[in-house]
């Protein structure tokens, strides 16, 4: 027992040391972000760009001629013409002789050659500005990642520093229950975080030559913990065998969830341009995402799949939903002209607290069904990858036992009659009798398809039912 206590104490010391190192890394990343975040992106051609274009045109065309003194006059601080010249080029994409000063039009014998060279110079300056802004956009993406990683590391460090070591309270009961089921524990560490949720790291092996599923070991851990629900973490070992290995367990949430999906492609298309995911990226957190690619068919499907896969990867890495959507939007902006916009709809459900957080970029309303009726969560916004300064809209709601969450693509609404299509669907849901989320999704899809013989767009319904977990489950 002395050896076990020593190992347990060493593990506790290590997690405190790790928290300090993570906090230091977070501060370093924030410092790096501040270092990069100095140069602002130029929005228009500058005075220096205009002067350089005039100087180059004079050198290429004018030679020794100095009749109009166009460059020297523009070089003066109070020159209005240079400002006018740049704005005219930006608005029309070119300047012509009518945009030049009267003295130039009256005295210059090579007007067309000079104006042509000036347009080429301003065109090159515009191209350089575009590439510079593209580079700075990429830099801003890196800055955003640095800052978000700093937040993730700082939050993780804070959780580790504030975690209470409750191993001694549960150790004897856990060892006894595991031993009765032919499993020997070498050492363990059980932490309780500030939100009262617990996490256990148990190094264990079987002693009868057989294997035990980690999920079954989680049930035994729940029995030793007084009936609380425990599950093996997704990134942990699935099987316990004769070799010692460390398995991570987390407490199950107070709520459980089931989900279903119904979808159909636009008439004449082989594949749907909508894509979705349903995953549990962190303990007690379920993420539902839906993306509607612009248009339909394979090209739209590739764009929406790209969006949902990128969002899922960022969420799995620990990014917050808001940061995930901002990064997705930035990446799509940097993809260039070949990229087609796609909507992004994220719903994150906290199974510990029963709280829904919805994040939308260009997505239609999400519907919440409970005993009080149907509520719409909606935020009008442009699709991802269209505007640079777009901010995801956060909508938060408390869910209760037997609440339902319904996410749809805009093809569902477009198929409905009337001007207030959201109200039409809301009234249908309020009168609907269904058995489970799959049944709910299928009925909504059938309702939308009933108004036309052909599907004018891709249609997808993603539904989830949430109910409170009983102590026995």
Protein backbone atom coordinates (compact mmCIF):
# COMPACT_ATOMS: atom_id res chain seq x y z
CA UNK A 1 0.00 0.00 0.00
CA UNK A 2 2.93 2.36 0.69
CA UNK A 3 4.14 1.90 -2.89
CA UNK A 4 0.68 2.68 -4.24
CA UNK A 5 0.45 5.86 -2.19
CA UNK A 6 3.89 6.96 -3.37
CA UNK A 7 2.98 6.45 -7.03
CA UNK A 8 -0.33 8.23 -6.47
CA UNK A 9 1.47 11.17 -4.85
CA UNK A 10 3.98 11.30 -7.70
CA UNK A 11 1.16 11.40 -10.25
CA UNK A 12 -0.48 14.28 -8.39
CA UNK A 13 2.81 16.18 -8.36
CA UNK A 14 3.23 15.56 -12.08
CA UNK A 15 -0.18 16.96 -12.93
CA UNK A 16 0.59 20.16 -10.97
CA UNK A 17 3.94 20.49 -12.78
CA UNK A 18 2.22 19.85 -16.11
CA UNK A 19 -0.32 22.57 -15.35
CA UNK A 20 2.49 25.07 -14.76
CA UNK A 21 4.20 24.13 -18.03
CA UNK A 22 0.95 24.42 -19.99
CA UNK A 23 0.28 27.83 -18.49
CA UNK A 24 3.76 28.96 -19.56
CA UNK A 25 3.17 27.65 -23.09
CA UNK A 26 -0.15 29.53 -23.24
CA UNK A 27 1.56 32.80 -22.31
CA UNK A 28 4.23 32.17 -24.97
CA UNK A 29 1.61 31.61 -27.66
CA UNK A 30 -0.22 34.79 -26.69
CA UNK A 31 3.09 36.66 -26.86
CA UNK A 32 3.73 35.28 -30.34
CA UNK A 33 0.25 36.41 -31.42
CA UNK A 34 0.93 39.94 -30.17
CA UNK A 35 4.25 39.98 -32.03
CA UNK A 36 2.57 39.14 -35.33
CA UNK A 37 -0.45 41.34 -34.78
CA UNK A 38 1.13 44.69 -35.62
CA UNK A 39 0.89 45.42 -39.32
CA UNK A 40 -2.60 46.35 -40.47
CA UNK A 41 -3.85 45.38 -43.89
CA UNK A 42 -3.97 48.24 -46.42
CA UNK A 43 -7.42 48.65 -47.89
CA UNK A 44 -6.58 50.80 -50.95
CA UNK A 45 -3.68 51.89 -53.10
CA UNK A 46 -1.49 54.28 -51.13
CA UNK A 47 0.00 57.65 -52.01
CA UNK A 48 3.38 55.94 -52.46
CA UNK A 49 1.82 53.49 -54.95
CA UNK A 50 0.46 56.39 -57.01
CA UNK A 51 3.73 58.32 -56.99
CA UNK A 52 5.67 55.22 -58.03
CA UNK A 53 3.25 54.63 -60.93
CA UNK A 54 3.60 58.23 -62.12
CA UNK A 55 7.37 58.15 -61.80
CA UNK A 56 7.65 54.89 -63.74
CA UNK A 57 5.33 56.19 -66.50
CA UNK A 58 7.42 59.37 -66.79
CA UNK A 59 10.65 57.37 -67.01
CA UNK A 60 9.26 55.01 -69.66
CA UNK A 61 7.48 57.59 -71.86
CA UNK A 62 8.40 61.23 -71.16
CA UNK A 63 12.17 61.19 -71.43
CA UNK A 64 13.48 64.75 -71.06
CA UNK A 65 10.05 66.35 -71.44
CA UNK A 66 8.88 68.34 -68.42
CA UNK A 67 6.01 70.38 -69.85
CA UNK A 68 3.24 69.14 -67.54
CA UNK A 69 5.29 68.43 -64.37
CA UNK A 70 2.68 65.82 -63.43
CA UNK A 71 4.93 63.88 -61.05
CA UNK A 72 6.41 66.89 -59.26
CA UNK A 73 2.97 68.45 -58.77
CA UNK A 74 1.56 65.19 -57.39
CA UNK A 75 4.50 64.88 -55.02
CA UNK A 76 3.30 67.89 -53.05
CA UNK A 77 1.58 67.06 -49.77
CA UNK A 78 -1.54 69.06 -50.66
CA UNK A 79 -1.96 67.48 -54.11
CA UNK A 80 -5.61 66.57 -54.62
CA UNK A 81 -5.07 65.13 -58.09
CA UNK A 82 -3.10 62.10 -56.88
CA UNK A 83 -5.97 61.14 -54.57
CA UNK A 84 -8.44 61.58 -57.45
CA UNK A 85 -6.29 59.46 -59.78
CA UNK A 86 -6.09 56.52 -57.36
CA UNK A 87 -9.81 56.57 -56.56
CA UNK A 88 -10.71 56.75 -60.27
CA UNK A 89 -8.55 53.71 -61.03
CA UNK A 90 -10.03 51.74 -58.12
CA UNK A 91 -13.59 52.51 -59.20
CA UNK A 92 -13.22 51.89 -62.95
CA UNK A 93 -10.18 49.59 -63.08
CA UNK A 94 -8.52 52.00 -65.50
CA UNK A 95 -7.83 55.68 -66.11
CA UNK A 96 -8.22 57.46 -69.45
CA UNK A 97 -7.24 60.80 -70.88
CA UNK A 98 -10.36 62.47 -69.48
CA UNK A 99 -9.10 61.68 -65.98
CA UNK A 100 -5.81 63.52 -66.59
CA UNK A 101 -5.19 67.21 -65.73
CA UNK A 102 -6.00 69.86 -68.37
CA UNK A 103 -2.35 70.90 -68.75
CA UNK A 104 -1.46 67.28 -69.57
CA UNK A 105 -4.22 67.02 -72.18
CA UNK A 106 -3.17 70.31 -73.80
CA UNK A 107 0.62 69.82 -73.88
CA UNK A 108 1.43 66.09 -73.94
CA UNK A 109 2.13 64.68 -77.41
CA UNK A 110 2.24 61.07 -76.20
CA UNK A 111 -0.93 60.95 -74.13
CA UNK A 112 -2.06 57.43 -75.08
CA UNK A 113 1.39 55.91 -74.42
CA UNK A 114 1.65 57.66 -71.04
CA UNK A 115 -1.88 56.70 -69.91
CA UNK A 116 -1.34 53.10 -71.06
CA UNK A 117 1.91 52.84 -69.10
CA UNK A 118 0.25 54.46 -66.07
CA UNK A 119 -2.56 51.87 -66.16
CA UNK A 120 -0.04 49.03 -66.33
CA UNK A 121 1.84 50.45 -63.35
CA UNK A 122 -1.31 50.90 -61.28
CA UNK A 123 -2.43 47.40 -62.27
CA UNK A 124 0.82 45.92 -60.97
CA UNK A 125 0.46 47.93 -57.76
CA UNK A 126 -3.08 46.57 -57.32
CA UNK A 127 -1.87 43.01 -57.88
CA UNK A 128 0.90 43.49 -55.31
CA UNK A 129 -1.66 44.88 -52.87
CA UNK A 130 -3.91 41.87 -53.42
CA UNK A 131 -1.10 39.40 -52.75
CA UNK A 132 0.04 41.35 -49.71
CA UNK A 133 -3.46 41.28 -48.29
CA UNK A 134 -3.69 37.56 -49.04
CA UNK A 135 -0.44 37.01 -47.16
CA UNK A 136 -1.66 39.10 -44.24
CA UNK A 137 -4.94 37.13 -44.20
CA UNK A 138 -2.90 33.95 -43.82
CA UNK A 139 -0.94 35.62 -41.05
CA UNK A 140 -4.18 36.57 -39.30
CA UNK A 141 -5.28 32.94 -39.46
CA UNK A 142 -2.05 31.91 -37.72
CA UNK A 143 -2.58 34.62 -35.10
CA UNK A 144 -6.10 33.37 -34.45
CA UNK A 145 -4.82 29.82 -34.03
CA UNK A 146 -2.07 30.98 -31.64
CA UNK A 147 -4.60 32.85 -29.52
CA UNK A 148 -7.13 30.04 -29.49
CA UNK A 149 -4.45 27.48 -28.61
CA UNK A 150 -3.34 29.80 -25.81
CA UNK A 151 -6.91 29.86 -24.48
CA UNK A 152 -7.17 26.06 -24.70
CA UNK A 153 -3.87 25.51 -22.87
CA UNK A 154 -4.67 28.15 -20.24
CA UNK A 155 -8.08 26.63 -19.56
CA UNK A 156 -6.62 23.13 -19.34
CA UNK A 157 -3.89 24.38 -17.01
CA UNK A 158 -6.48 26.11 -14.82
CA UNK A 159 -8.55 22.94 -14.61
CA UNK A 160 -5.50 20.91 -13.59
CA UNK A 161 -4.42 23.45 -10.97
CA UNK A 162 -7.90 23.65 -9.43
CA UNK A 163 -8.60 19.91 -9.64
CA UNK A 164 -9.02 18.21 -6.27
CA UNK A 165 -7.37 14.84 -5.74
CA UNK A 166 -10.13 12.53 -4.44
CA UNK A 167 -8.31 9.25 -4.99
CA UNK A 168 -8.18 8.25 -1.32
CA UNK A 169 -11.96 8.64 -0.99
CA UNK A 170 -12.62 6.02 -3.67
CA UNK A 171 -9.48 3.90 -3.89
CA UNK A 172 -10.40 1.07 -1.56
CA UNK A 173 -13.90 0.62 -3.02
CA UNK A 174 -12.59 0.69 -6.61
CA UNK A 175 -9.82 -1.82 -5.90
CA UNK A 176 -12.28 -4.19 -4.20
CA UNK A 177 -14.85 -4.08 -7.00
CA UNK A 178 -12.22 -4.56 -9.71
CA UNK A 179 -10.55 -7.43 -7.84
CA UNK A 180 -13.88 -9.24 -7.52
CA UNK A 181 -14.10 -9.12 -11.30
CA UNK A 182 -10.55 -10.44 -11.79
CA UNK A 183 -8.80 -7.12 -12.39
CA UNK A 184 -5.74 -5.94 -10.46
CA UNK A 185 -5.06 -2.22 -10.10
CA UNK A 186 -1.45 -1.04 -9.94
CA UNK A 187 -2.19 2.63 -9.22
CA UNK A 188 -4.86 5.24 -9.89
CA UNK A 189 -5.50 8.97 -9.86
CA UNK A 190 -9.03 10.40 -9.54
CA UNK A 191 -9.52 14.14 -9.96
CA UNK A 192 -12.57 16.30 -9.26
CA UNK A 193 -12.76 19.55 -11.22
CA UNK A 194 -14.39 22.83 -10.22
CA UNK A 195 -17.63 21.83 -11.98
CA UNK A 196 -17.80 18.72 -9.70
CA UNK A 197 -17.20 16.33 -12.57
CA UNK A 198 -14.60 13.63 -12.06
CA UNK A 199 -11.95 11.96 -14.19
CA UNK A 200 -10.04 8.78 -13.33
CA UNK A 201 -6.73 7.36 -14.61
CA UNK A 202 -6.44 3.69 -13.62
CA UNK A 203 -3.50 1.42 -14.46
CA UNK A 204 -4.99 -2.08 -14.45
CA UNK A 205 -4.70 -5.60 -15.84
CA UNK A 206 -6.70 -8.81 -15.67
CA UNK A 207 -5.46 -11.69 -13.49
CA UNK A 208 -7.35 -14.61 -15.01
CA UNK A 209 -5.99 -14.54 -18.56
CA UNK A 210 -9.15 -13.07 -20.04
CA UNK A 211 -9.89 -9.64 -21.48
CA UNK A 212 -12.37 -7.10 -20.17
CA UNK A 213 -13.93 -4.31 -22.19
CA UNK A 214 -13.07 -0.86 -20.84
CA UNK A 215 -16.75 0.04 -21.13
CA UNK A 216 -17.59 -2.80 -18.70
CA UNK A 217 -14.87 -1.57 -16.35
CA UNK A 218 -16.57 1.84 -16.44
CA UNK A 219 -19.78 0.24 -15.17
CA UNK A 220 -17.84 -1.33 -12.29
CA UNK A 221 -16.25 2.02 -11.50
CA UNK A 222 -19.73 3.52 -11.33
CA UNK A 223 -20.77 0.85 -8.83
CA UNK A 224 -17.78 1.66 -6.64
CA UNK A 225 -18.55 5.39 -6.92
CA UNK A 226 -22.01 5.02 -5.41
CA UNK A 227 -24.06 4.59 -8.55
CA UNK A 228 -22.61 7.41 -10.62
CA UNK A 229 -22.29 6.73 -14.33
CA UNK A 230 -18.72 6.35 -15.65
CA UNK A 231 -17.56 5.66 -19.20
CA UNK A 232 -14.20 4.94 -20.80
CA UNK A 233 -12.89 7.99 -22.68
CA UNK A 234 -12.94 7.85 -26.48
CA UNK A 235 -9.17 8.20 -26.73
CA UNK A 236 -8.53 5.46 -24.18
CA UNK A 237 -7.91 1.73 -24.56
CA UNK A 238 -10.94 -0.32 -25.54
CA UNK A 239 -9.77 -3.57 -23.93
CA UNK A 240 -8.05 -4.44 -20.64
CA UNK A 241 -5.81 -7.53 -20.94
CA UNK A 242 -3.02 -9.27 -19.00
CA UNK A 243 -0.60 -6.36 -19.44
CA UNK A 244 -0.82 -3.30 -17.23
CA UNK A 245 -2.20 -0.32 -19.14
CA UNK A 246 -3.70 2.99 -18.10
CA UNK A 247 -7.34 3.62 -18.94
CA UNK A 248 -8.99 7.04 -18.64
CA UNK A 249 -12.57 7.15 -17.39
CA UNK A 250 -14.90 10.15 -17.25
CA UNK A 251 -18.22 10.60 -15.51
CA UNK A 252 -21.22 10.29 -17.76
CA UNK A 253 -23.46 13.34 -18.13
CA UNK A 254 -26.79 13.87 -16.44
CA UNK A 255 -28.44 13.65 -19.87
CA UNK A 256 -28.46 11.11 -22.67
CA UNK A 257 -29.10 11.64 -26.35
CA UNK A 258 -30.37 9.76 -29.41
CA UNK A 259 -30.35 11.09 -32.94
CA UNK A 260 -31.65 10.45 -36.43
CA UNK A 261 -31.30 11.88 -39.93
CA UNK A 262 -33.41 11.99 -43.08
CA UNK A 263 -32.17 13.44 -46.37
CA UNK A 264 -32.75 13.50 -50.10
CA UNK A 265 -30.93 15.01 -53.06
CA UNK A 266 -32.26 17.53 -55.53
CA UNK A 267 -34.21 15.88 -58.34
CA UNK A 268 -31.78 14.94 -61.11
CA UNK A 269 -28.72 14.78 -58.85
CA UNK A 270 -27.05 11.58 -57.69
CA UNK A 271 -25.64 13.02 -54.46
CA UNK A 272 -26.83 15.59 -51.95
CA UNK A 273 -24.94 18.85 -51.54
CA UNK A 274 -25.69 18.77 -47.79
CA UNK A 275 -23.38 17.09 -45.27
CA UNK A 276 -23.66 16.53 -41.54
CA UNK A 277 -21.84 15.06 -38.54
CA UNK A 278 -22.91 13.84 -35.13
CA UNK A 279 -20.04 13.21 -32.73
CA UNK A 280 -18.90 13.32 -29.12
CA UNK A 281 -15.60 15.22 -29.22
CA UNK A 282 -15.18 15.82 -25.49
CA UNK A 283 -16.53 14.12 -22.34
CA UNK A 284 -20.14 15.13 -21.88
CA UNK A 285 -20.31 17.17 -25.10
CA UNK A 286 -22.18 16.18 -28.26
CA UNK A 287 -21.72 18.15 -31.47
CA UNK A 288 -24.23 18.17 -34.32
CA UNK A 289 -23.15 19.99 -37.47
CA UNK A 290 -24.88 20.60 -40.79
CA UNK A 291 -23.46 22.30 -43.89
CA UNK A 292 -25.30 23.20 -47.07
CA UNK A 293 -22.98 23.63 -50.06
CA UNK A 294 -23.87 26.34 -52.56
CA UNK A 295 -25.86 24.83 -55.41
CA UNK A 296 -26.26 21.06 -55.65
CA UNK A 297 -24.54 17.93 -56.87
CA UNK A 298 -21.01 16.66 -56.38
CA UNK A 299 -19.34 20.09 -56.27
CA UNK A 300 -21.67 21.31 -53.50
CA UNK A 301 -21.20 17.99 -51.68
CA UNK A 302 -17.41 18.38 -51.74
CA UNK A 303 -17.63 21.91 -50.31
CA UNK A 304 -20.04 21.00 -47.52
CA UNK A 305 -18.08 17.85 -46.65
CA UNK A 306 -14.91 19.91 -46.49
CA UNK A 307 -16.62 22.32 -44.07
CA UNK A 308 -18.01 19.70 -41.68
CA UNK A 309 -14.75 17.71 -41.64
CA UNK A 310 -12.70 20.82 -40.90
CA UNK A 311 -15.11 21.89 -38.17
CA UNK A 312 -15.04 18.44 -36.58
CA UNK A 313 -11.22 18.33 -36.62
CA UNK A 314 -10.99 21.74 -34.94
CA UNK A 315 -13.53 20.80 -32.28
CA UNK A 316 -11.70 17.55 -31.58
CA UNK A 317 -8.49 19.56 -31.16
CA UNK A 318 -10.18 21.58 -28.41
CA UNK A 319 -11.19 24.75 -30.26
CA UNK A 320 -14.33 26.47 -29.02
CA UNK A 321 -17.33 26.47 -31.38
CA UNK A 322 -16.96 30.24 -31.98
CA UNK A 323 -13.26 29.95 -32.83
CA UNK A 324 -14.00 26.90 -35.00
CA UNK A 325 -16.49 28.79 -37.16
CA UNK A 326 -14.21 31.83 -37.46
CA UNK A 327 -11.31 29.63 -38.56
CA UNK A 328 -13.51 27.73 -41.02
CA UNK A 329 -14.66 31.02 -42.52
CA UNK A 330 -11.07 32.29 -42.78
CA UNK A 331 -9.83 29.08 -44.42
CA UNK A 332 -12.63 29.24 -46.99
CA UNK A 333 -11.82 32.88 -47.71
CA UNK A 334 -8.20 31.95 -48.38
CA UNK A 335 -9.28 29.15 -50.72
CA UNK A 336 -9.66 31.67 -53.54
CA UNK A 337 -12.14 32.07 -56.36
CA UNK A 338 -12.56 28.35 -56.95
CA UNK A 339 -14.19 27.94 -53.54
CA UNK A 340 -17.97 28.11 -53.33
CA UNK A 341 -19.62 29.38 -50.13
CA UNK A 342 -21.28 26.94 -47.75
CA UNK A 343 -23.47 27.45 -44.70
CA UNK A 344 -22.29 26.17 -41.33
CA UNK A 345 -24.64 25.18 -38.52
CA UNK A 346 -23.21 23.85 -35.23
CA UNK A 347 -25.13 22.69 -32.17
CA UNK A 348 -23.10 21.75 -29.08
CA UNK A 349 -25.02 20.00 -26.31
CA UNK A 350 -23.54 19.82 -22.80
CA UNK A 351 -24.80 16.51 -21.40
CA UNK A 352 -23.73 17.50 -17.88
CA UNK A 353 -25.82 20.66 -17.67
CA UNK A 354 -28.33 20.03 -20.47
CA UNK A 355 -27.42 23.28 -22.24
CA UNK A 356 -27.51 23.77 -26.01
CA UNK A 357 -25.21 26.27 -27.75
CA UNK A 358 -25.96 26.91 -31.41
CA UNK A 359 -23.51 28.66 -33.75
CA UNK A 360 -24.56 29.72 -37.23
CA UNK A 361 -22.96 31.09 -40.37
CA UNK A 362 -25.63 31.52 -43.01
CA UNK A 363 -27.70 28.63 -41.65
CA UNK A 364 -31.48 28.59 -41.25
CA UNK A 365 -33.30 28.28 -37.92
CA UNK A 366 -32.87 25.43 -35.45
CA UNK A 367 -36.06 24.18 -33.79
CA UNK A 368 -36.33 23.24 -30.10
CA UNK A 369 -39.31 21.08 -29.18
CA UNK A 370 -40.41 20.54 -25.57
CA UNK A 371 -43.56 20.43 -23.48
CA UNK A 372 -43.99 24.21 -23.92
CA UNK A 373 -44.14 24.02 -27.70
CA UNK A 374 -41.64 24.80 -30.47
CA UNK A 375 -39.01 27.55 -30.29
CA UNK A 376 -36.93 28.87 -33.19
CA UNK A 377 -33.24 29.73 -32.87
CA UNK A 378 -32.32 31.77 -35.91
CA UNK A 379 -29.69 34.27 -36.99
CA UNK A 380 -29.57 35.78 -40.47
CA UNK A 381 -26.00 35.76 -41.76
CA UNK A 382 -24.00 35.24 -44.94
CA UNK A 383 -22.53 31.81 -45.82
CA UNK A 384 -19.04 30.93 -44.69
CA UNK A 385 -16.22 32.13 -46.90
CA UNK A 386 -18.05 35.18 -48.29
CA UNK A 387 -17.11 38.03 -45.96
CA UNK A 388 -13.93 38.42 -43.98
CA UNK A 389 -15.31 40.26 -40.94
CA UNK A 390 -18.12 37.80 -40.30
CA UNK A 391 -18.83 36.92 -36.66
CA UNK A 392 -20.59 33.65 -35.74
CA UNK A 393 -23.86 34.17 -33.89
CA UNK A 394 -24.12 32.34 -30.55
CA UNK A 395 -27.54 31.16 -29.38
CA UNK A 396 -27.89 29.33 -26.07
CA UNK A 397 -30.85 27.46 -24.55
CA UNK A 398 -31.47 25.18 -21.56
CA UNK A 399 -32.78 21.75 -22.51
CA UNK A 400 -34.98 19.64 -20.30
CA UNK A 401 -35.77 15.94 -20.28
CA UNK A 402 -37.57 14.90 -23.48
CA UNK A 403 -36.43 17.99 -25.41
CA UNK A 404 -35.89 17.60 -29.15
CA UNK A 405 -33.46 19.52 -31.34
CA UNK A 406 -34.11 19.74 -35.10
CA UNK A 407 -31.60 21.15 -37.60
CA UNK A 408 -32.56 21.55 -41.26
CA UNK A 409 -31.02 22.74 -44.51
CA UNK A 410 -32.67 25.56 -46.43
CA UNK A 411 -34.07 23.10 -48.98
CA UNK A 412 -36.67 22.07 -46.39
CA UNK A 413 -37.93 25.64 -45.94
CA UNK A 414 -37.87 26.43 -49.66
CA UNK A 415 -40.19 23.47 -50.35
CA UNK A 416 -42.87 24.77 -47.97
CA UNK A 417 -45.78 26.98 -49.12
CA UNK A 418 -46.49 30.55 -48.06
CA UNK A 419 -44.33 33.52 -47.18
CA UNK A 420 -43.65 32.68 -43.52
CA UNK A 421 -42.16 29.25 -44.10
CA UNK A 422 -40.62 29.02 -40.60
CA UNK A 423 -44.11 29.41 -39.12
CA UNK A 424 -45.52 26.71 -41.42
CA UNK A 425 -42.90 24.22 -40.21
CA UNK A 426 -43.31 25.32 -36.58
CA UNK A 427 -47.07 24.69 -36.66
CA UNK A 428 -46.53 21.29 -38.29
CA UNK A 429 -44.06 20.27 -35.57
CA UNK A 430 -46.41 21.42 -32.80
CA UNK A 431 -49.14 19.11 -34.15
CA UNK A 432 -46.80 16.21 -34.89
CA UNK A 433 -46.93 12.91 -33.01
CA UNK A 434 -43.71 10.92 -33.31
CA UNK A 435 -41.89 8.07 -31.56
CA UNK A 436 -38.15 8.79 -31.80
CA UNK A 437 -35.73 11.22 -33.47
CA UNK A 438 -35.40 9.10 -36.62
CA UNK A 439 -39.17 9.04 -36.97
CA UNK A 440 -39.29 12.81 -36.36
CA UNK A 441 -36.67 13.51 -39.05
CA UNK A 442 -38.43 11.28 -41.61
CA UNK A 443 -41.83 12.87 -40.99
CA UNK A 444 -40.46 16.41 -41.43
CA UNK A 445 -38.77 15.40 -44.69
CA UNK A 446 -41.95 13.75 -45.98
CA UNK A 447 -43.92 16.88 -45.09
CA UNK A 448 -41.56 19.11 -47.05
CA UNK A 449 -41.55 16.78 -50.08
CA UNK A 450 -45.35 16.57 -50.16
CA UNK A 451 -45.76 20.04 -51.73
CA UNK A 452 -44.03 19.28 -55.02
CA UNK A 453 -43.44 16.33 -57.29
CA UNK A 454 -39.80 17.37 -57.71
CA UNK A 455 -37.19 18.36 -55.13
CA UNK A 456 -35.98 21.84 -56.07
CA UNK A 457 -33.03 21.61 -53.69
CA UNK A 458 -31.17 19.17 -51.45
CA UNK A 459 -33.05 18.54 -48.20
CA UNK A 460 -31.65 17.31 -44.88
CA UNK A 461 -33.18 16.96 -41.40
CA UNK A 462 -30.99 16.19 -38.38
CA UNK A 463 -32.93 15.46 -35.17
CA UNK A 464 -31.88 14.61 -31.61
CA UNK A 465 -33.81 13.69 -28.46
CA UNK A 466 -32.41 14.52 -25.02
CA UNK A 467 -33.60 12.99 -21.78
CA UNK A 468 -32.36 12.94 -18.21
CA UNK A 469 -30.32 9.95 -17.14
CA UNK A 470 -31.55 7.96 -14.15
CA UNK A 471 -28.98 6.90 -11.51
CA UNK A 472 -29.18 3.30 -12.69
CA UNK A 473 -28.22 4.23 -16.28
